[in-house]
Amino acid sequence: MSSTATQQASTSSLYTTLGRLRIFPTFERLAAHTSELNTGTDLASTASYALEPSADEDLAVYMTLDQDNARSVVWITRHSNRDQPHISGGVISMFDVPESLFPRHLGIAFGQDFTEGSIVQGIETMEGDMRERSRWDSLSSNMKTLWGLVIANDEAVASYVHGLGLGQPTEVPTE
């Protein structure tokens, strides 16, 4: 097998695709694919700090555009203590590095349950929050494209993320 074929096979096993979305089931796989996270720069440190799941999150699934070294990431996390009062089931977040601007990090908690429906609701809530608070204009064109794909595929994304949370073999459903 040629080294190019080997590299493509090992790279593609790091993520699943849904149209133009790349979906990474762990931070480690995202970091292995995105060399900018491993450069040791201030930006890389800021991005890693924002993107790494916290100790109270037992699932984190990341989405980027289908390109190398994406500078825009949307991810969904699940809280490990979601059965306790006043703890949300999960959070949908975005990290965006617009050209020549400081990185932006936004997040919205959703429902106490971690279900496909609550994940879709979280995506819709994030969409509404961004539009109502005029955050949309400050996003990079890559993030706008990425977010548009997440919105357009919200049910497929929710199904995949929920399946990972159940520990089930997952395939990205096609819509």
N, C-alpha and C. Protein backbone atom coordinates (compact mmCIF):
# COMPACT_ATOMS: atom_id res chain seq x y z
N MET A 1 0.85 -1.18 0.00
CA MET A 1 0.00 0.00 0.00
C MET A 1 0.89 1.23 0.00
N SER A 2 0.54 2.22 -0.79
CA SER A 2 1.36 3.43 -0.85
C SER A 2 1.20 4.25 0.42
N SER A 3 2.18 5.11 0.67
CA SER A 3 2.11 5.94 1.87
C SER A 3 0.92 6.90 1.80
N THR A 4 0.57 7.36 0.60
CA THR A 4 -0.59 8.24 0.46
C THR A 4 -1.87 7.50 0.84
N ALA A 5 -2.02 6.28 0.37
CA ALA A 5 -3.20 5.49 0.71
C ALA A 5 -3.25 5.21 2.21
N THR A 6 -2.09 4.92 2.80
CA THR A 6 -2.04 4.68 4.25
C THR A 6 -2.43 5.94 5.00
N GLN A 7 -1.91 7.08 4.58
CA GLN A 7 -2.24 8.34 5.25
C GLN A 7 -3.73 8.64 5.12
N GLN A 8 -4.30 8.45 3.96
CA GLN A 8 -5.73 8.71 3.77
C GLN A 8 -6.57 7.77 4.62
N ALA A 9 -6.18 6.50 4.70
CA ALA A 9 -6.95 5.55 5.50
C ALA A 9 -6.88 5.91 6.97
N SER A 10 -5.69 6.27 7.48
CA SER A 10 -5.58 6.59 8.90
C SER A 10 -6.25 7.91 9.22
N THR A 11 -6.20 8.87 8.31
CA THR A 11 -6.85 10.16 8.53
C THR A 11 -8.36 10.00 8.53
N SER A 12 -8.90 9.27 7.58
CA SER A 12 -10.35 9.16 7.48
C SER A 12 -10.94 8.37 8.65
N SER A 13 -10.15 7.54 9.31
CA SER A 13 -10.68 6.81 10.46
C SER A 13 -10.80 7.70 11.69
N LEU A 14 -10.27 8.92 11.63
CA LEU A 14 -10.38 9.85 12.74
C LEU A 14 -11.75 10.51 12.81
N TYR A 15 -12.47 10.51 11.71
CA TYR A 15 -13.75 11.22 11.66
C TYR A 15 -14.72 10.51 10.73
N THR A 16 -15.98 10.90 10.84
CA THR A 16 -17.05 10.45 9.97
C THR A 16 -17.52 11.68 9.20
N THR A 17 -17.97 11.48 7.98
CA THR A 17 -18.45 12.63 7.22
C THR A 17 -19.96 12.58 7.06
N LEU A 18 -20.54 13.75 7.01
CA LEU A 18 -21.96 13.94 6.70
C LEU A 18 -21.99 15.09 5.71
N GLY A 19 -22.03 14.76 4.43
CA GLY A 19 -21.92 15.80 3.42
C GLY A 19 -20.59 16.51 3.56
N ARG A 20 -20.63 17.82 3.80
CA ARG A 20 -19.40 18.61 3.96
C ARG A 20 -18.98 18.75 5.41
N LEU A 21 -19.64 18.04 6.32
CA LEU A 21 -19.26 18.06 7.74
C LEU A 21 -18.30 16.92 8.05
N ARG A 22 -17.31 17.20 8.87
CA ARG A 22 -16.48 16.15 9.46
C ARG A 22 -16.88 16.07 10.92
N ILE A 23 -17.16 14.87 11.40
CA ILE A 23 -17.58 14.67 12.78
C ILE A 23 -16.55 13.81 13.48
N PHE A 24 -15.96 14.37 14.54
CA PHE A 24 -14.92 13.70 15.33
C PHE A 24 -15.54 13.26 16.65
N PRO A 25 -15.45 11.97 17.01
CA PRO A 25 -16.09 11.49 18.23
C PRO A 25 -15.35 11.83 19.53
N THR A 26 -14.13 12.36 19.44
CA THR A 26 -13.38 12.73 20.64
C THR A 26 -12.47 13.92 20.34
N PHE A 27 -12.06 14.61 21.40
CA PHE A 27 -11.11 15.71 21.25
C PHE A 27 -9.78 15.19 20.72
N GLU A 28 -9.36 14.03 21.18
CA GLU A 28 -8.08 13.46 20.76
C GLU A 28 -8.04 13.26 19.24
N ARG A 29 -9.15 12.80 18.68
CA ARG A 29 -9.19 12.60 17.22
C ARG A 29 -9.18 13.93 16.48
N LEU A 30 -9.87 14.92 17.02
CA LEU A 30 -9.83 16.25 16.41
C LEU A 30 -8.41 16.80 16.45
N ALA A 31 -7.76 16.69 17.60
CA ALA A 31 -6.39 17.20 17.75
C ALA A 31 -5.41 16.45 16.84
N ALA A 32 -5.60 15.15 16.68
CA ALA A 32 -4.72 14.37 15.81
C ALA A 32 -4.86 14.80 14.35
N HIS A 33 -6.03 15.27 13.99
CA HIS A 33 -6.27 15.67 12.60
C HIS A 33 -5.93 17.14 12.33
N THR A 34 -6.04 17.98 13.34
CA THR A 34 -5.87 19.42 13.18
C THR A 34 -4.51 19.83 13.72
N SER A 35 -3.53 19.93 12.85
CA SER A 35 -2.16 20.20 13.29
C SER A 35 -2.02 21.54 14.00
N GLU A 36 -2.88 22.51 13.70
CA GLU A 36 -2.79 23.82 14.36
C GLU A 36 -3.00 23.73 15.86
N LEU A 37 -3.71 22.70 16.33
CA LEU A 37 -3.92 22.53 17.78
C LEU A 37 -2.65 22.07 18.48
N ASN A 38 -1.67 21.63 17.74
CA ASN A 38 -0.45 21.08 18.33
C ASN A 38 0.78 21.97 18.10
N THR A 39 0.58 23.23 17.77
CA THR A 39 1.71 24.09 17.43
C THR A 39 2.36 24.75 18.64
N GLY A 40 1.69 24.78 19.78
CA GLY A 40 2.25 25.42 20.96
C GLY A 40 2.10 26.94 20.97
N THR A 41 1.39 27.49 20.00
CA THR A 41 1.17 28.94 19.96
C THR A 41 0.10 29.34 20.97
N ASP A 42 0.00 30.64 21.20
CA ASP A 42 -1.06 31.13 22.09
C ASP A 42 -2.44 30.76 21.56
N LEU A 43 -2.62 30.86 20.24
CA LEU A 43 -3.90 30.49 19.65
C LEU A 43 -4.20 29.01 19.86
N ALA A 44 -3.19 28.16 19.68
CA ALA A 44 -3.39 26.72 19.89
C ALA A 44 -3.75 26.44 21.35
N SER A 45 -3.09 27.11 22.28
CA SER A 45 -3.41 26.92 23.70
C SER A 45 -4.82 27.38 24.02
N THR A 46 -5.21 28.53 23.48
CA THR A 46 -6.56 29.04 23.69
C THR A 46 -7.60 28.08 23.12
N ALA A 47 -7.35 27.59 21.91
CA ALA A 47 -8.28 26.66 21.27
C ALA A 47 -8.37 25.36 22.05
N SER A 48 -7.24 24.80 22.45
CA SER A 48 -7.26 23.55 23.21
C SER A 48 -8.01 23.71 24.52
N TYR A 49 -7.77 24.82 25.21
CA TYR A 49 -8.46 25.08 26.47
C TYR A 49 -9.97 25.14 26.27
N ALA A 50 -10.40 25.81 25.21
CA ALA A 50 -11.83 25.94 24.94
C ALA A 50 -12.45 24.62 24.51
N LEU A 51 -11.72 23.84 23.72
CA LEU A 51 -12.29 22.64 23.09
C LEU A 51 -12.23 21.39 23.95
N GLU A 52 -11.23 21.26 24.81
CA GLU A 52 -11.12 20.03 25.60
C GLU A 52 -12.30 19.90 26.54
N PRO A 53 -12.87 18.70 26.64
CA PRO A 53 -13.99 18.53 27.57
C PRO A 53 -13.52 18.67 29.01
N SER A 54 -14.41 19.17 29.85
CA SER A 54 -14.08 19.32 31.27
C SER A 54 -14.26 17.98 31.98
N ALA A 55 -13.84 17.94 33.23
CA ALA A 55 -13.92 16.70 34.01
C ALA A 55 -15.36 16.23 34.20
N ASP A 56 -16.32 17.15 34.15
CA ASP A 56 -17.71 16.74 34.36
C ASP A 56 -18.46 16.49 33.04
N GLU A 57 -17.74 16.36 31.94
CA GLU A 57 -18.34 16.02 30.66
C GLU A 57 -17.82 14.65 30.22
N ASP A 58 -18.75 13.73 29.98
CA ASP A 58 -18.34 12.37 29.64
C ASP A 58 -18.48 12.05 28.15
N LEU A 59 -18.86 13.03 27.35
CA LEU A 59 -18.96 12.85 25.91
C LEU A 59 -18.74 14.21 25.25
N ALA A 60 -17.94 14.25 24.22
CA ALA A 60 -17.74 15.47 23.44
C ALA A 60 -17.56 15.06 21.98
N VAL A 61 -18.40 15.61 21.11
CA VAL A 61 -18.38 15.30 19.69
C VAL A 61 -18.18 16.61 18.93
N TYR A 62 -17.22 16.63 18.02
CA TYR A 62 -16.79 17.85 17.34
C TYR A 62 -17.13 17.81 15.86
N MET A 63 -17.48 18.97 15.30
CA MET A 63 -17.80 19.07 13.88
C MET A 63 -17.00 20.22 13.26
N THR A 64 -16.44 19.96 12.09
CA THR A 64 -15.73 20.99 11.32
C THR A 64 -16.19 20.88 9.87
N LEU A 65 -15.80 21.86 9.08
CA LEU A 65 -16.00 21.74 7.64
C LEU A 65 -15.08 20.65 7.11
N ASP A 66 -15.42 20.10 5.98
CA ASP A 66 -14.63 19.05 5.36
C ASP A 66 -13.40 19.68 4.70
N GLN A 67 -12.46 20.10 5.56
CA GLN A 67 -11.20 20.69 5.09
C GLN A 67 -10.15 20.49 6.18
N ASP A 68 -8.90 20.58 5.81
CA ASP A 68 -7.83 20.42 6.78
C ASP A 68 -7.63 21.71 7.57
N ASN A 69 -7.22 21.55 8.82
CA ASN A 69 -6.94 22.67 9.72
C ASN A 69 -8.07 23.69 9.78
N ALA A 70 -9.26 23.19 10.00
CA ALA A 70 -10.42 24.06 10.13
C ALA A 70 -10.24 24.99 11.33
N ARG A 71 -10.62 26.23 11.16
CA ARG A 71 -10.49 27.22 12.22
C ARG A 71 -11.83 27.49 12.90
N SER A 72 -12.84 26.75 12.53
CA SER A 72 -14.16 26.87 13.12
C SER A 72 -14.62 25.48 13.54
N VAL A 73 -15.08 25.37 14.79
CA VAL A 73 -15.49 24.08 15.33
C VAL A 73 -16.81 24.27 16.08
N VAL A 74 -17.74 23.35 15.87
CA VAL A 74 -18.97 23.27 16.67
C VAL A 74 -18.89 21.94 17.39
N TRP A 75 -19.23 21.92 18.68
CA TRP A 75 -19.20 20.65 19.39
C TRP A 75 -20.33 20.56 20.40
N ILE A 76 -20.66 19.31 20.72
CA ILE A 76 -21.73 19.00 21.66
C ILE A 76 -21.13 18.14 22.76
N THR A 77 -21.38 18.55 24.00
CA THR A 77 -20.89 17.78 25.15
C THR A 77 -22.07 17.30 25.98
N ARG A 78 -21.84 16.23 26.72
CA ARG A 78 -22.84 15.69 27.65
C ARG A 78 -22.27 15.75 29.05
N HIS A 79 -23.06 16.27 29.98
CA HIS A 79 -22.63 16.33 31.38
C HIS A 79 -22.75 14.95 32.03
N SER A 80 -21.75 14.58 32.78
CA SER A 80 -21.79 13.29 33.48
C SER A 80 -22.72 13.33 34.68
N ASN A 81 -23.02 14.51 35.22
CA ASN A 81 -23.90 14.65 36.39
C ASN A 81 -25.27 15.16 36.00
N ARG A 82 -25.74 14.83 34.79
CA ARG A 82 -26.99 15.38 34.29
C ARG A 82 -28.22 14.94 35.07
N ASP A 83 -28.08 13.91 35.93
CA ASP A 83 -29.22 13.45 36.73
C ASP A 83 -29.43 14.31 37.97
N GLN A 84 -28.54 15.23 38.25
CA GLN A 84 -28.67 16.10 39.41
C GLN A 84 -29.50 17.33 39.05
N PRO A 85 -30.23 17.88 40.03
CA PRO A 85 -31.04 19.07 39.75
C PRO A 85 -30.17 20.23 39.26
N HIS A 86 -30.71 21.01 38.37
CA HIS A 86 -30.09 22.23 37.86
C HIS A 86 -28.83 21.98 37.02
N ILE A 87 -28.63 20.75 36.57
CA ILE A 87 -27.51 20.42 35.67
C ILE A 87 -28.12 20.08 34.32
N SER A 88 -27.66 20.74 33.27
CA SER A 88 -28.21 20.48 31.95
C SER A 88 -27.71 19.14 31.42
N GLY A 89 -28.44 18.60 30.46
CA GLY A 89 -28.01 17.35 29.84
C GLY A 89 -26.76 17.52 29.01
N GLY A 90 -26.60 18.70 28.44
CA GLY A 90 -25.44 18.94 27.60
C GLY A 90 -25.32 20.38 27.19
N VAL A 91 -24.30 20.64 26.39
CA VAL A 91 -24.02 22.00 25.91
C VAL A 91 -23.62 21.91 24.45
N ILE A 92 -24.12 22.84 23.65
CA ILE A 92 -23.63 22.98 22.29
C ILE A 92 -22.79 24.25 22.27
N SER A 93 -21.60 24.15 21.68
CA SER A 93 -20.65 25.26 21.70
C SER A 93 -20.06 25.47 20.32
N MET A 94 -19.49 26.65 20.13
CA MET A 94 -18.74 26.91 18.91
C MET A 94 -17.48 27.68 19.25
N PHE A 95 -16.43 27.39 18.52
CA PHE A 95 -15.16 28.10 18.65
C PHE A 95 -14.79 28.55 17.25
N ASP A 96 -14.59 29.83 17.10
CA ASP A 96 -14.37 30.41 15.78
C ASP A 96 -13.15 31.31 15.82
N VAL A 97 -12.31 31.20 14.82
CA VAL A 97 -11.14 32.07 14.70
C VAL A 97 -11.31 32.88 13.42
N PRO A 98 -12.00 34.01 13.52
CA PRO A 98 -12.13 34.86 12.34
C PRO A 98 -10.77 35.43 11.96
N GLU A 99 -10.62 35.79 10.72
CA GLU A 99 -9.35 36.37 10.27
C GLU A 99 -9.03 37.62 11.07
N SER A 100 -7.85 37.69 11.61
CA SER A 100 -7.28 38.82 12.34
C SER A 100 -8.13 39.31 13.52
N LEU A 101 -8.92 38.45 14.08
CA LEU A 101 -9.69 38.80 15.27
C LEU A 101 -9.42 37.79 16.37
N PHE A 102 -9.72 38.18 17.59
CA PHE A 102 -9.57 37.26 18.71
C PHE A 102 -10.60 36.14 18.57
N PRO A 103 -10.23 34.92 18.92
CA PRO A 103 -11.18 33.80 18.80
C PRO A 103 -12.46 34.05 19.59
N ARG A 104 -13.55 33.50 19.09
CA ARG A 104 -14.85 33.61 19.76
C ARG A 104 -15.27 32.23 20.24
N HIS A 105 -15.82 32.19 21.44
CA HIS A 105 -16.31 30.94 22.02
C HIS A 105 -17.70 31.20 22.57
N LEU A 106 -18.68 30.51 22.05
CA LEU A 106 -20.06 30.64 22.50
C LEU A 106 -20.57 29.27 22.91
N GLY A 107 -21.45 29.22 23.89
CA GLY A 107 -22.04 27.95 24.31
C GLY A 107 -23.42 28.15 24.89
N ILE A 108 -24.28 27.13 24.71
CA ILE A 108 -25.65 27.16 25.23
C ILE A 108 -25.95 25.78 25.82
N ALA A 109 -26.42 25.76 27.07
CA ALA A 109 -26.85 24.51 27.70
C ALA A 109 -28.23 24.14 27.17
N PHE A 110 -28.51 22.84 27.13
CA PHE A 110 -29.84 22.42 26.70
C PHE A 110 -30.37 21.31 27.60
N GLY A 111 -31.67 21.34 27.85
CA GLY A 111 -32.43 20.34 28.59
C GLY A 111 -31.69 19.49 29.60
N GLN A 112 -32.41 18.90 30.52
CA GLN A 112 -31.77 18.01 31.49
C GLN A 112 -31.54 16.63 30.90
N ASP A 113 -32.35 16.25 29.94
CA ASP A 113 -32.17 14.96 29.28
C ASP A 113 -31.20 15.11 28.12
N PHE A 114 -30.51 14.03 27.80
CA PHE A 114 -29.61 14.02 26.65
C PHE A 114 -30.24 13.10 25.61
N THR A 115 -31.17 13.64 24.84
CA THR A 115 -31.90 12.88 23.84
C THR A 115 -31.70 13.53 22.48
N GLU A 116 -32.12 12.83 21.43
CA GLU A 116 -32.04 13.43 20.10
C GLU A 116 -32.83 14.73 20.07
N GLY A 117 -34.02 14.71 20.67
CA GLY A 117 -34.87 15.91 20.69
C GLY A 117 -34.23 17.07 21.42
N SER A 118 -33.60 16.80 22.56
CA SER A 118 -32.98 17.90 23.32
C SER A 118 -31.75 18.45 22.59
N ILE A 119 -31.05 17.59 21.85
CA ILE A 119 -29.89 18.05 21.08
C ILE A 119 -30.37 18.96 19.94
N VAL A 120 -31.42 18.55 19.23
CA VAL A 120 -31.99 19.40 18.17
C VAL A 120 -32.46 20.72 18.77
N GLN A 121 -33.13 20.65 19.92
CA GLN A 121 -33.60 21.87 20.58
C GLN A 121 -32.41 22.77 20.95
N GLY A 122 -31.32 22.18 21.41
CA GLY A 122 -30.12 22.96 21.73
C GLY A 122 -29.56 23.67 20.51
N ILE A 123 -29.52 22.97 19.38
CA ILE A 123 -29.05 23.57 18.14
C ILE A 123 -29.95 24.74 17.75
N GLU A 124 -31.26 24.54 17.84
CA GLU A 124 -32.20 25.60 17.49
C GLU A 124 -32.09 26.79 18.45
N THR A 125 -31.88 26.52 19.74
CA THR A 125 -31.72 27.59 20.72
C THR A 125 -30.46 28.40 20.43
N MET A 126 -29.37 27.72 20.09
CA MET A 126 -28.13 28.41 19.74
C MET A 126 -28.35 29.29 18.52
N GLU A 127 -29.05 28.77 17.53
CA GLU A 127 -29.34 29.54 16.31
C GLU A 127 -30.11 30.82 16.67
N GLY A 128 -31.16 30.68 17.45
CA GLY A 128 -31.95 31.84 17.85
C GLY A 128 -31.15 32.84 18.65
N ASP A 129 -30.32 32.35 19.56
CA ASP A 129 -29.51 33.23 20.40
C ASP A 129 -28.52 34.03 19.55
N MET A 130 -27.90 33.36 18.59
CA MET A 130 -26.93 34.06 17.74
C MET A 130 -27.61 35.14 16.92
N ARG A 131 -28.77 34.85 16.39
CA ARG A 131 -29.48 35.82 15.55
C ARG A 131 -30.03 36.98 16.38
N GLU A 132 -30.61 36.68 17.55
CA GLU A 132 -31.20 37.72 18.39
C GLU A 132 -30.16 38.67 18.96
N ARG A 133 -29.01 38.17 19.29
CA ARG A 133 -27.98 39.00 19.93
C ARG A 133 -26.96 39.55 18.94
N SER A 134 -27.25 39.46 17.68
CA SER A 134 -26.39 40.00 16.62
C SER A 134 -24.98 39.41 16.65
N ARG A 135 -24.84 38.19 17.10
CA ARG A 135 -23.52 37.54 17.10
C ARG A 135 -23.15 37.03 15.71
N TRP A 136 -24.14 36.83 14.88
CA TRP A 136 -23.93 36.26 13.55
C TRP A 136 -22.93 37.08 12.74
N ASP A 137 -23.04 38.40 12.80
CA ASP A 137 -22.18 39.27 11.99
C ASP A 137 -20.71 39.16 12.34
N SER A 138 -20.39 38.76 13.57
CA SER A 138 -18.99 38.69 13.98
C SER A 138 -18.35 37.33 13.68
N LEU A 139 -19.12 36.39 13.14
CA LEU A 139 -18.57 35.07 12.83
C LEU A 139 -17.85 35.08 11.50
N SER A 140 -16.85 34.20 11.39
CA SER A 140 -16.12 34.07 10.12
C SER A 140 -17.03 33.42 9.08
N SER A 141 -16.66 33.56 7.82
CA SER A 141 -17.45 32.93 6.76
C SER A 141 -17.41 31.41 6.90
N ASN A 142 -16.28 30.85 7.38
CA ASN A 142 -16.21 29.40 7.60
C ASN A 142 -17.20 28.96 8.67
N MET A 143 -17.31 29.74 9.77
CA MET A 143 -18.25 29.36 10.82
C MET A 143 -19.69 29.48 10.32
N LYS A 144 -19.97 30.50 9.54
CA LYS A 144 -21.32 30.64 9.00
C LYS A 144 -21.68 29.44 8.12
N THR A 145 -20.72 29.00 7.30
CA THR A 145 -20.95 27.82 6.46
C THR A 145 -21.12 26.57 7.32
N LEU A 146 -20.22 26.39 8.29
CA LEU A 146 -20.29 25.23 9.19
C LEU A 146 -21.62 25.22 9.93
N TRP A 147 -21.99 26.34 10.52
CA TRP A 147 -23.23 26.40 11.29
C TRP A 147 -24.44 26.12 10.39
N GLY A 148 -24.42 26.63 9.17
CA GLY A 148 -25.50 26.35 8.22
C GLY A 148 -25.65 24.87 7.96
N LEU A 149 -24.53 24.16 7.87
CA LEU A 149 -24.57 22.70 7.66
C LEU A 149 -25.09 21.98 8.90
N VAL A 150 -24.70 22.45 10.09
CA VAL A 150 -25.21 21.84 11.33
C VAL A 150 -26.72 22.02 11.40
N ILE A 151 -27.21 23.23 11.11
CA ILE A 151 -28.65 23.51 11.13
C ILE A 151 -29.37 22.64 10.09
N ALA A 152 -28.84 22.57 8.89
CA ALA A 152 -29.48 21.81 7.81
C ALA A 152 -29.53 20.31 8.11
N ASN A 153 -28.60 19.83 8.92
CA ASN A 153 -28.51 18.40 9.24
C ASN A 153 -28.74 18.14 10.72
N ASP A 154 -29.50 18.99 11.40
CA ASP A 154 -29.62 18.91 12.85
C ASP A 154 -30.12 17.55 13.35
N GLU A 155 -31.08 16.95 12.67
CA GLU A 155 -31.60 15.66 13.12
C GLU A 155 -30.57 14.55 12.94
N ALA A 156 -29.84 14.55 11.83
CA ALA A 156 -28.81 13.54 11.60
C ALA A 156 -27.67 13.71 12.60
N VAL A 157 -27.27 14.95 12.86
CA VAL A 157 -26.23 15.22 13.86
C VAL A 157 -26.68 14.74 15.22
N ALA A 158 -27.92 15.07 15.61
CA ALA A 158 -28.45 14.67 16.92
C ALA A 158 -28.50 13.16 17.05
N SER A 159 -28.92 12.48 16.01
CA SER A 159 -28.99 11.01 16.04
C SER A 159 -27.61 10.40 16.22
N TYR A 160 -26.62 10.91 15.51
CA TYR A 160 -25.26 10.40 15.61
C TYR A 160 -24.68 10.64 17.00
N VAL A 161 -24.80 11.88 17.49
CA VAL A 161 -24.25 12.22 18.81
C VAL A 161 -24.95 11.41 19.90
N HIS A 162 -26.26 11.30 19.83
CA HIS A 162 -27.00 10.53 20.83
C HIS A 162 -26.58 9.07 20.80
N GLY A 163 -26.40 8.51 19.60
CA GLY A 163 -25.94 7.13 19.48
C GLY A 163 -24.58 6.92 20.12
N LEU A 164 -23.66 7.86 19.93
CA LEU A 164 -22.35 7.77 20.60
C LEU A 164 -22.52 7.78 22.11
N GLY A 165 -23.45 8.62 22.59
CA GLY A 165 -23.70 8.71 24.03
C GLY A 165 -24.25 7.42 24.61
N LEU A 166 -24.96 6.66 23.80
CA LEU A 166 -25.49 5.37 24.25
C LEU A 166 -24.47 4.25 24.11
N GLY A 167 -23.33 4.57 23.50
CA GLY A 167 -22.30 3.56 23.29
C GLY A 167 -22.67 2.59 22.18
N GLN A 168 -23.55 3.01 21.30
CA GLN A 168 -23.98 2.16 20.20
C GLN A 168 -23.09 2.37 18.99
N PRO A 169 -22.93 1.32 18.18
CA PRO A 169 -22.23 1.54 16.92
C PRO A 169 -23.00 2.60 16.14
N THR A 170 -22.30 3.56 15.62
CA THR A 170 -23.01 4.67 14.99
C THR A 170 -22.62 4.83 13.54
N GLU A 171 -23.60 5.14 12.76
CA GLU A 171 -23.40 5.57 11.39
C GLU A 171 -24.13 6.88 11.27
N VAL A 172 -23.61 7.76 10.48
CA VAL A 172 -24.30 9.02 10.29
C VAL A 172 -25.50 8.76 9.39
N PRO A 173 -26.70 9.05 9.89
CA PRO A 173 -27.88 8.85 9.05
C PRO A 173 -27.91 9.87 7.93
N THR A 174 -28.43 9.48 6.80
CA THR A 174 -28.55 10.42 5.69
C THR A 174 -29.97 10.96 5.69
N GLU A 175 -30.08 12.24 5.39
CA GLU A 175 -31.41 12.86 5.37
C GLU A 175 -31.83 13.12 3.95
